[in-house]
Amino acid sequence: MRSFFRINAPSILLLLAWIFYFFFIDRYRLWAYVGVPHMEPLYGDLHAILSASECNQRGINVFLSNSCDALGRVHVYGSIWLKLNVFGINQSHLSILGTAINILFMTVAIALIRPRSISQVVIAFIVLFSPAVTLALERGNNDLIIFILTALSALLISLRDRIATLCGLCIVALSSALKIYPSILFGTVLLAMKWRAKELVLILGASALLVAAWLITSLNEILLLKDLVPRPLDHYATGAKALFIYLGRPYPQILLIPETGRLAIFICFVMACALWLARRLDLSALQPMQGSLKFVCFIFGLSILFFTYTINSNYDYRWIFFILLVPYLLHVQQVAAKNTPTRRMVALGFICASLVMWTEALRAGRFFGVFNFNVYFNIGRSTFSTELVQQFLKELSAWMLFIIMFAFVIKQLSKR
């Protein structure tokens, strides 16, 4: 036990620090100062699910109305969430269930990162204590459960055992039933591993069967949710179309491009820049990592982030999936030689992620109340406030982050 605590002391201290941090800001209502728009009750998104399950039990169509929810929000997730009452779970369990999910999520996140040095502890702190992650925890958002399931499926698939791989794919199917976006993992799992011919046939066949079963049983629900799921475009949201909207203020002709065209521009731009950057990266010091837990987590986290960012604007809590990228990036940083382009790209990636995940703390607290910005800048043919400049930096950082991350994927896959 003494040896265990000595080896894992940084991880244990991080977990204890997070527990103190979370309950301290909740006890003294400091949410606004860390860039989190607090909602009553605490764990508001979990409350929405539990209330929908309760109203569904009463025979109410919660996809149309939900009088059991404190804010009257309709249900915007898969109907599988409405079966929680079968297990005796209801709104009276909100606090204990929300706290348990948060602690489990943070335990899994810290176990994945598993910092060993002071610099790694600092990086883990910046990511885990960011407003984006804190928002997910404050809401008790079900993305936390999807994160845990995604990490579990990555672990099973990385074992390279047929039964374990099939179980991992079944967990992906379950995640897709809970929320639609994890279905992207059925495709990206093929990139995460070095498959032999027999394994490839097995994976393709199992994935096809699971996808077919999911679509047959849930197609009408998927089409319904496509229109119900909120598509935010305020400063608490990020997404590929957001930057075009902001650029469209001084240059309205940009908005004349159809949305599909703008998304195609975004994807082509990111991929072209990633290909160019990949040629300048040197991963020769790395052993082939396809199939390792770090790389499977990296591929899974990046595919979810990029997919959801591309098709929609998402609240900041979706960036919890960046945590899945951190173990691979720390490994590359550790192995790469000092003062090389590869190591500098990893550092730039963490900087971009920090800007995306911490912008709301600077905005909401106006540098924690020290400065009150009322400065205006003339850009193009419009007047932009400092707040809008912050949003530009946030979205540009996200674009740059995707370019860097896909450059690593391209370079790593080229080592096959």
Protein backbone atom coordinates (compact mmCIF):
# COMPACT_ATOMS: atom_id res chain seq x y z
CA MET A 1 0.00 0.00 0.00
CA ARG A 2 2.86 2.35 0.84
CA SER A 3 4.40 1.69 -2.57
CA PHE A 4 1.07 2.23 -4.32
CA PHE A 5 0.52 5.62 -2.68
CA ARG A 6 4.10 6.69 -3.37
CA ILE A 7 3.85 5.84 -7.08
CA ASN A 8 0.39 7.36 -7.51
CA ALA A 9 0.79 10.30 -5.13
CA PRO A 10 0.37 12.98 -7.88
CA SER A 11 -2.85 11.36 -9.11
CA ILE A 12 -4.28 10.99 -5.60
CA LEU A 13 -3.42 14.60 -4.73
CA LEU A 14 -5.05 15.79 -7.98
CA LEU A 15 -8.25 13.92 -7.15
CA LEU A 16 -8.36 15.29 -3.60
CA ALA A 17 -7.63 18.82 -4.88
CA TRP A 18 -10.46 18.53 -7.40
CA ILE A 19 -12.95 17.35 -4.74
CA PHE A 20 -12.01 20.33 -2.54
CA TYR A 21 -12.13 22.73 -5.51
CA PHE A 22 -15.56 21.60 -6.72
CA PHE A 23 -17.28 21.69 -3.35
CA PHE A 24 -15.57 24.97 -2.40
CA ILE A 25 -16.86 26.85 -5.45
CA ASP A 26 -20.31 25.32 -4.95
CA ARG A 27 -20.40 26.11 -1.23
CA TYR A 28 -19.49 29.77 -1.77
CA ARG A 29 -21.26 30.14 -5.15
CA LEU A 30 -18.10 31.10 -7.05
CA TRP A 31 -19.24 29.57 -10.34
CA ALA A 32 -19.29 32.89 -12.20
CA TYR A 33 -15.68 33.57 -11.28
CA VAL A 34 -14.50 30.38 -12.97
CA GLY A 35 -16.55 30.88 -16.12
CA VAL A 36 -19.41 28.47 -15.35
CA PRO A 37 -23.06 29.59 -15.77
CA HIS A 38 -24.56 27.94 -12.70
CA MET A 39 -27.96 26.31 -12.99
CA GLU A 40 -30.32 25.38 -10.17
CA PRO A 41 -30.50 22.70 -9.07
CA LEU A 42 -26.90 21.53 -9.06
CA TYR A 43 -26.46 18.77 -11.65
CA GLY A 44 -29.15 20.44 -13.75
CA ASP A 45 -28.70 18.26 -16.85
CA LEU A 46 -28.92 15.08 -14.78
CA HIS A 47 -32.06 16.53 -13.20
CA ALA A 48 -33.52 16.94 -16.70
CA ILE A 49 -32.98 13.24 -17.43
CA LEU A 50 -34.37 12.04 -14.09
CA SER A 51 -37.39 14.32 -14.43
CA ALA A 52 -38.03 13.07 -17.97
CA SER A 53 -37.90 9.47 -16.73
CA GLU A 54 -40.42 10.37 -14.01
CA CYS A 55 -42.83 12.09 -16.42
CA ASN A 56 -42.47 9.25 -18.92
CA GLN A 57 -43.55 6.84 -16.20
CA ARG A 58 -46.71 8.95 -15.82
CA GLY A 59 -47.47 8.48 -19.51
CA ILE A 60 -46.34 11.94 -20.68
CA ASN A 61 -44.57 12.26 -24.03
CA VAL A 62 -41.43 13.97 -22.76
CA PHE A 63 -40.21 14.64 -26.30
CA LEU A 64 -43.04 17.18 -26.53
CA SER A 65 -43.30 18.48 -22.95
CA ASN A 66 -41.76 17.78 -19.57
CA SER A 67 -43.58 19.35 -16.65
CA CYS A 68 -41.40 17.41 -14.19
CA ASP A 69 -38.31 19.43 -15.14
CA ALA A 70 -37.62 22.59 -13.15
CA LEU A 71 -37.05 24.52 -16.40
CA GLY A 72 -39.66 22.71 -18.49
CA ARG A 73 -37.06 21.26 -20.87
CA VAL A 74 -38.13 18.48 -23.22
CA HIS A 75 -36.10 15.28 -23.45
CA VAL A 76 -33.40 15.50 -26.15
CA TYR A 77 -31.58 12.20 -25.65
CA GLY A 78 -32.24 8.57 -26.48
CA SER A 79 -35.31 6.93 -24.95
CA ILE A 80 -33.08 4.45 -23.12
CA TRP A 81 -32.55 7.16 -20.49
CA LEU A 82 -36.27 7.00 -19.73
CA LYS A 83 -35.89 3.48 -18.31
CA LEU A 84 -34.00 4.61 -15.21
CA ASN A 85 -37.12 4.18 -13.10
CA VAL A 86 -36.83 0.42 -13.71
CA PHE A 87 -33.80 0.52 -11.40
CA GLY A 88 -35.65 2.61 -8.83
CA ILE A 89 -33.70 5.76 -9.73
CA ASN A 90 -35.64 9.02 -9.47
CA GLN A 91 -35.15 12.71 -8.68
CA SER A 92 -34.56 12.01 -5.00
CA HIS A 93 -31.24 10.43 -6.00
CA LEU A 94 -30.03 13.54 -7.87
CA SER A 95 -27.34 14.67 -5.43
CA ILE A 96 -25.84 11.29 -4.60
CA LEU A 97 -26.00 10.10 -8.23
CA GLY A 98 -24.50 13.31 -9.60
CA THR A 99 -21.68 13.26 -7.05
CA ALA A 100 -20.94 9.59 -7.76
CA ILE A 101 -20.79 10.16 -11.53
CA ASN A 102 -18.50 13.17 -11.08
CA ILE A 103 -16.08 11.31 -8.81
CA LEU A 104 -16.04 8.29 -11.12
CA PHE A 105 -15.40 10.52 -14.15
CA MET A 106 -12.57 12.38 -12.45
CA THR A 107 -11.04 9.13 -11.22
CA VAL A 108 -11.07 7.69 -14.76
CA ALA A 109 -9.70 10.95 -16.24
CA ILE A 110 -6.81 11.14 -13.75
CA ALA A 111 -6.08 7.42 -14.16
CA LEU A 112 -5.79 7.92 -17.93
CA ILE A 113 -3.44 10.91 -17.63
CA ARG A 114 -1.54 9.47 -14.65
CA PRO A 115 0.91 12.38 -14.31
CA ARG A 116 4.45 11.49 -13.23
CA SER A 117 6.35 14.77 -13.25
CA ILE A 118 5.64 18.30 -12.08
CA SER A 119 5.11 19.49 -15.65
CA GLN A 120 2.59 16.71 -16.28
CA VAL A 121 0.76 17.57 -13.06
CA VAL A 122 0.53 21.21 -14.24
CA ILE A 123 -0.86 20.12 -17.61
CA ALA A 124 -3.36 17.80 -15.94
CA PHE A 125 -4.40 20.61 -13.59
CA ILE A 126 -4.94 23.05 -16.46
CA VAL A 127 -7.13 20.56 -18.33
CA LEU A 128 -9.08 19.02 -15.45
CA PHE A 129 -9.77 22.29 -13.58
CA SER A 130 -10.75 24.22 -16.72
CA PRO A 131 -14.17 25.90 -16.99
CA ALA A 132 -15.10 23.50 -19.81
CA VAL A 133 -14.63 20.43 -17.63
CA THR A 134 -16.10 22.17 -14.57
CA LEU A 135 -19.22 23.02 -16.58
CA ALA A 136 -19.79 19.34 -17.38
CA LEU A 137 -19.38 18.44 -13.70
CA GLU A 138 -21.60 21.27 -12.49
CA ARG A 139 -24.38 20.17 -14.84
CA GLY A 140 -23.90 16.47 -14.19
CA ASN A 141 -24.07 16.20 -17.96
CA ASN A 142 -24.47 12.75 -19.47
CA ASP A 143 -21.35 13.36 -21.58
CA LEU A 144 -19.52 12.29 -18.42
CA ILE A 145 -21.06 8.83 -18.73
CA ILE A 146 -20.29 8.72 -22.46
CA PHE A 147 -16.67 9.63 -21.61
CA ILE A 148 -16.42 6.75 -19.13
CA LEU A 149 -17.96 4.30 -21.61
CA THR A 150 -15.64 5.53 -24.37
CA ALA A 151 -12.58 5.03 -22.17
CA LEU A 152 -13.81 1.52 -21.26
CA SER A 153 -14.41 0.59 -24.91
CA ALA A 154 -10.92 1.90 -25.81
CA LEU A 155 -9.41 -0.26 -23.07
CA LEU A 156 -11.22 -3.39 -24.25
CA ILE A 157 -10.35 -2.83 -27.90
CA SER A 158 -6.69 -2.18 -27.07
CA LEU A 159 -6.46 -5.66 -25.48
CA ARG A 160 -6.47 -7.18 -28.98
CA ASP A 161 -8.68 -10.04 -27.80
CA ARG A 162 -11.64 -10.94 -30.01
CA ILE A 163 -14.14 -11.23 -27.18
CA ALA A 164 -12.86 -8.02 -25.57
CA THR A 165 -13.04 -6.20 -28.92
CA LEU A 166 -16.63 -7.33 -29.47
CA CYS A 167 -17.50 -6.15 -25.95
CA GLY A 168 -15.86 -2.81 -26.74
CA LEU A 169 -18.00 -2.48 -29.88
CA CYS A 170 -21.12 -3.34 -27.87
CA ILE A 171 -20.25 -0.53 -25.47
CA VAL A 172 -19.95 1.82 -28.47
CA ALA A 173 -23.42 0.66 -29.55
CA LEU A 174 -24.77 1.37 -26.06
CA SER A 175 -23.17 4.82 -26.10
CA SER A 176 -24.78 5.50 -29.50
CA ALA A 177 -28.18 4.60 -28.06
CA LEU A 178 -27.58 7.03 -25.18
CA LYS A 179 -26.37 9.87 -27.45
CA ILE A 180 -25.97 9.82 -31.22
CA TYR A 181 -22.43 11.12 -31.69
CA PRO A 182 -20.49 8.07 -30.31
CA SER A 183 -21.61 6.18 -33.43
CA ILE A 184 -18.64 7.82 -35.20
CA LEU A 185 -16.43 5.38 -33.28
CA PHE A 186 -17.65 2.45 -35.41
CA GLY A 187 -15.61 3.92 -38.24
CA THR A 188 -12.62 5.31 -36.39
CA VAL A 189 -11.97 2.02 -34.57
CA LEU A 190 -10.48 0.80 -37.87
CA LEU A 191 -7.79 3.50 -37.67
CA ALA A 192 -6.87 2.82 -34.08
CA MET A 193 -5.48 -0.69 -34.56
CA LYS A 194 -3.26 -2.76 -36.81
CA TRP A 195 -5.79 -5.36 -37.90
CA ARG A 196 -4.94 -8.67 -39.52
CA ALA A 197 -7.24 -9.82 -42.33
CA LYS A 198 -9.36 -12.14 -40.15
CA GLU A 199 -9.66 -9.52 -37.41
CA LEU A 200 -10.60 -6.87 -39.94
CA VAL A 201 -13.42 -9.01 -41.33
CA LEU A 202 -14.66 -9.70 -37.80
CA ILE A 203 -14.61 -6.01 -36.82
CA LEU A 204 -16.28 -4.89 -40.04
CA GLY A 205 -18.97 -7.54 -39.72
CA ALA A 206 -19.66 -6.84 -36.04
CA SER A 207 -19.72 -3.08 -36.60
CA ALA A 208 -22.08 -3.44 -39.56
CA LEU A 209 -24.47 -5.63 -37.56
CA LEU A 210 -24.46 -3.30 -34.57
CA VAL A 211 -24.97 -0.20 -36.72
CA ALA A 212 -27.82 -1.92 -38.61
CA ALA A 213 -29.48 -2.97 -35.35
CA TRP A 214 -29.12 0.55 -33.95
CA LEU A 215 -30.60 2.18 -37.07
CA ILE A 216 -33.47 -0.31 -37.38
CA THR A 217 -34.52 0.14 -33.76
CA SER A 218 -33.80 3.87 -33.43
CA LEU A 219 -34.14 5.53 -36.85
CA ASN A 220 -37.39 7.36 -36.07
CA GLU A 221 -35.97 8.50 -32.75
CA ILE A 222 -32.75 9.70 -34.42
CA LEU A 223 -34.75 11.77 -36.92
CA LEU A 224 -36.82 13.22 -34.07
CA LEU A 225 -33.77 14.11 -31.99
CA LYS A 226 -32.08 15.72 -35.00
CA ASP A 227 -34.61 18.53 -34.74
CA LEU A 228 -34.89 18.58 -30.93
CA VAL A 229 -31.22 18.75 -29.97
CA PRO A 230 -30.32 22.40 -29.20
CA ARG A 231 -27.77 24.08 -31.46
CA PRO A 232 -26.35 26.88 -29.34
CA LEU A 233 -24.40 29.77 -30.81
CA ASP A 234 -23.56 31.86 -27.75
CA HIS A 235 -20.13 32.29 -26.20
CA TYR A 236 -20.53 29.08 -24.20
CA ALA A 237 -20.64 27.12 -27.45
CA THR A 238 -18.00 26.06 -29.95
CA GLY A 239 -18.48 24.70 -33.44
CA ALA A 240 -17.28 24.93 -37.02
CA LYS A 241 -20.07 27.29 -38.04
CA ALA A 242 -19.44 29.64 -35.12
CA LEU A 243 -16.34 31.24 -36.61
CA PHE A 244 -18.10 31.80 -39.93
CA ILE A 245 -20.97 33.53 -38.10
CA TYR A 246 -18.58 35.87 -36.31
CA LEU A 247 -16.63 36.57 -39.50
CA GLY A 248 -19.96 37.23 -41.21
CA ARG A 249 -20.51 40.35 -39.10
CA PRO A 250 -17.87 42.46 -40.81
CA TYR A 251 -17.98 40.38 -44.02
CA PRO A 252 -21.64 39.32 -44.59
CA GLN A 253 -20.84 37.84 -48.00
CA ILE A 254 -19.33 34.86 -46.15
CA LEU A 255 -22.81 33.92 -44.94
CA LEU A 256 -24.00 33.67 -48.53
CA ILE A 257 -22.02 30.42 -48.82
CA PRO A 258 -24.34 27.45 -48.04
CA GLU A 259 -23.71 25.88 -44.65
CA THR A 260 -22.59 22.59 -46.22
CA GLY A 261 -20.08 24.57 -48.28
CA ARG A 262 -18.73 26.30 -45.20
CA LEU A 263 -18.35 22.99 -43.38
CA ALA A 264 -16.56 21.54 -46.41
CA ILE A 265 -14.20 24.53 -46.38
CA PHE A 266 -13.50 23.90 -42.70
CA ILE A 267 -12.77 20.18 -43.17
CA CYS A 268 -10.61 20.72 -46.28
CA PHE A 269 -8.67 23.53 -44.59
CA VAL A 270 -7.95 21.46 -41.47
CA MET A 271 -6.92 18.37 -43.43
CA ALA A 272 -4.75 20.27 -45.92
CA CYS A 273 -2.91 22.08 -43.11
CA ALA A 274 -2.57 18.82 -41.16
CA LEU A 275 -1.00 17.09 -44.16
CA TRP A 276 1.46 19.94 -44.57
CA LEU A 277 2.32 19.94 -40.87
CA ALA A 278 2.66 16.14 -40.70
CA ARG A 279 5.58 16.31 -43.13
CA ARG A 280 7.47 18.39 -40.57
CA LEU A 281 6.86 16.14 -37.59
CA ASP A 282 9.37 13.51 -36.54
CA LEU A 283 7.96 10.51 -34.67
CA SER A 284 10.90 8.22 -35.40
CA ALA A 285 11.69 8.00 -31.68
CA LEU A 286 8.25 6.52 -31.03
CA GLN A 287 7.53 2.84 -31.29
CA PRO A 288 4.49 2.04 -33.48
CA MET A 289 1.57 2.81 -31.17
CA GLN A 290 -1.43 1.54 -33.15
CA GLY A 291 -3.39 -0.63 -30.79
CA SER A 292 -1.97 0.86 -27.60
CA LEU A 293 -4.45 2.27 -25.11
CA LYS A 294 -2.96 5.75 -25.47
CA PHE A 295 -3.43 5.82 -29.24
CA VAL A 296 -6.91 4.23 -29.20
CA CYS A 297 -8.01 6.86 -26.65
CA PHE A 298 -6.41 9.55 -28.82
CA ILE A 299 -8.26 8.44 -31.96
CA PHE A 300 -11.57 8.03 -30.11
CA GLY A 301 -11.37 11.40 -28.36
CA LEU A 302 -10.30 13.28 -31.49
CA SER A 303 -12.98 11.71 -33.69
CA ILE A 304 -15.74 12.61 -31.21
CA LEU A 305 -14.45 16.17 -30.81
CA PHE A 306 -14.03 16.76 -34.54
CA PHE A 307 -17.34 15.13 -35.49
CA THR A 308 -19.43 17.07 -32.98
CA TYR A 309 -17.53 20.30 -33.70
CA THR A 310 -18.12 19.93 -37.43
CA ILE A 311 -21.81 19.07 -37.50
CA ASN A 312 -22.99 21.40 -34.77
CA SER A 313 -22.17 24.01 -32.20
CA ASN A 314 -21.62 22.37 -28.83
CA TYR A 315 -21.50 23.65 -25.31
CA ASP A 316 -18.01 23.81 -23.87
CA TYR A 317 -18.46 20.66 -21.81
CA ARG A 318 -17.91 18.57 -24.97
CA TRP A 319 -14.22 19.40 -24.58
CA ILE A 320 -13.98 16.86 -21.76
CA PHE A 321 -13.08 14.44 -24.57
CA PHE A 322 -9.78 16.28 -25.00
CA ILE A 323 -8.74 14.44 -21.83
CA LEU A 324 -8.60 11.26 -23.95
CA LEU A 325 -5.91 12.91 -26.10
CA VAL A 326 -3.67 13.93 -23.22
CA PRO A 327 -1.93 10.56 -22.46
CA TYR A 328 -0.68 10.19 -26.06
CA LEU A 329 0.47 13.82 -26.23
CA LEU A 330 2.37 13.50 -22.94
CA HIS A 331 4.03 10.34 -24.24
CA VAL A 332 5.11 12.10 -27.46
CA GLN A 333 6.39 15.04 -25.43
CA GLN A 334 8.37 12.72 -23.18
CA VAL A 335 9.94 10.68 -25.99
CA ALA A 336 10.65 13.46 -28.50
CA ALA A 337 13.99 15.20 -28.31
CA LYS A 338 14.11 18.65 -26.74
CA ASN A 339 13.71 21.74 -28.91
CA THR A 340 12.35 19.77 -31.86
CA PRO A 341 9.33 20.75 -34.01
CA THR A 342 7.47 17.71 -32.67
CA ARG A 343 7.84 18.76 -29.04
CA ARG A 344 6.96 22.35 -29.87
CA MET A 345 3.81 21.16 -31.67
CA VAL A 346 2.73 19.25 -28.57
CA ALA A 347 3.26 22.38 -26.47
CA LEU A 348 1.31 24.47 -29.00
CA GLY A 349 -1.50 21.91 -28.91
CA PHE A 350 -1.79 22.23 -25.14
CA ILE A 351 -1.75 26.04 -25.44
CA CYS A 352 -4.58 25.96 -28.00
CA ALA A 353 -6.59 23.57 -25.84
CA SER A 354 -6.07 25.82 -22.81
CA LEU A 355 -7.34 28.85 -24.72
CA VAL A 356 -10.46 26.97 -25.81
CA MET A 357 -11.17 25.51 -22.37
CA TRP A 358 -10.29 28.57 -20.24
CA THR A 359 -11.67 31.51 -22.26
CA GLU A 360 -14.91 31.65 -20.28
CA ALA A 361 -13.06 32.20 -16.98
CA LEU A 362 -11.43 35.31 -18.43
CA ARG A 363 -14.70 36.51 -19.90
CA ALA A 364 -17.02 35.87 -16.97
CA GLY A 365 -14.69 37.20 -14.30
CA ARG A 366 -13.22 40.01 -16.42
CA PHE A 367 -9.87 38.68 -15.24
CA PHE A 368 -11.60 37.84 -11.95
CA GLY A 369 -12.87 41.36 -11.46
CA VAL A 370 -9.55 43.16 -11.83
CA PHE A 371 -10.18 44.61 -15.28
CA ASN A 372 -13.45 45.67 -16.85
CA PHE A 373 -13.06 45.70 -20.63
CA ASN A 374 -14.88 48.39 -22.56
CA VAL A 375 -12.33 48.72 -25.34
CA TYR A 376 -13.41 48.49 -28.99
CA PHE A 377 -11.40 47.52 -32.03
CA ASN A 378 -12.10 48.34 -35.66
CA ILE A 379 -11.68 45.23 -37.75
CA GLY A 380 -12.77 45.18 -41.37
CA ARG A 381 -16.00 47.12 -41.79
CA SER A 382 -17.40 46.52 -38.33
CA THR A 383 -16.72 47.38 -34.71
CA PHE A 384 -15.65 44.47 -32.57
CA SER A 385 -15.64 44.46 -28.80
CA THR A 386 -12.98 42.72 -26.74
CA GLU A 387 -15.49 39.99 -25.97
CA LEU A 388 -15.80 39.20 -29.66
CA VAL A 389 -12.03 39.14 -30.01
CA GLN A 390 -11.96 36.58 -27.20
CA GLN A 391 -14.46 34.45 -29.12
CA PHE A 392 -12.34 34.67 -32.27
CA LEU A 393 -9.29 33.49 -30.33
CA LYS A 394 -11.32 30.65 -28.86
CA GLU A 395 -12.51 29.38 -32.24
CA LEU A 396 -9.19 29.95 -34.01
CA SER A 397 -7.47 28.00 -31.23
CA ALA A 398 -9.91 25.12 -31.81
CA TRP A 399 -9.12 25.10 -35.55
CA MET A 400 -5.38 25.14 -34.84
CA LEU A 401 -5.76 22.36 -32.28
CA PHE A 402 -7.50 20.11 -34.81
CA ILE A 403 -4.78 20.78 -37.38
CA ILE A 404 -2.05 19.77 -34.93
CA MET A 405 -3.90 16.69 -33.67
CA PHE A 406 -4.67 15.38 -37.17
CA ALA A 407 -1.04 15.96 -38.14
CA PHE A 408 -0.03 13.55 -35.38
CA VAL A 409 -2.64 11.02 -36.57
CA ILE A 410 -1.39 11.20 -40.15
CA LYS A 411 2.23 10.85 -39.09
CA GLN A 412 1.49 7.99 -36.70
CA LEU A 413 -0.55 6.06 -39.28
CA SER A 414 2.22 6.51 -41.86
CA LYS A 415 4.49 4.46 -39.56
CA ARG A 416 2.45 1.32 -40.30
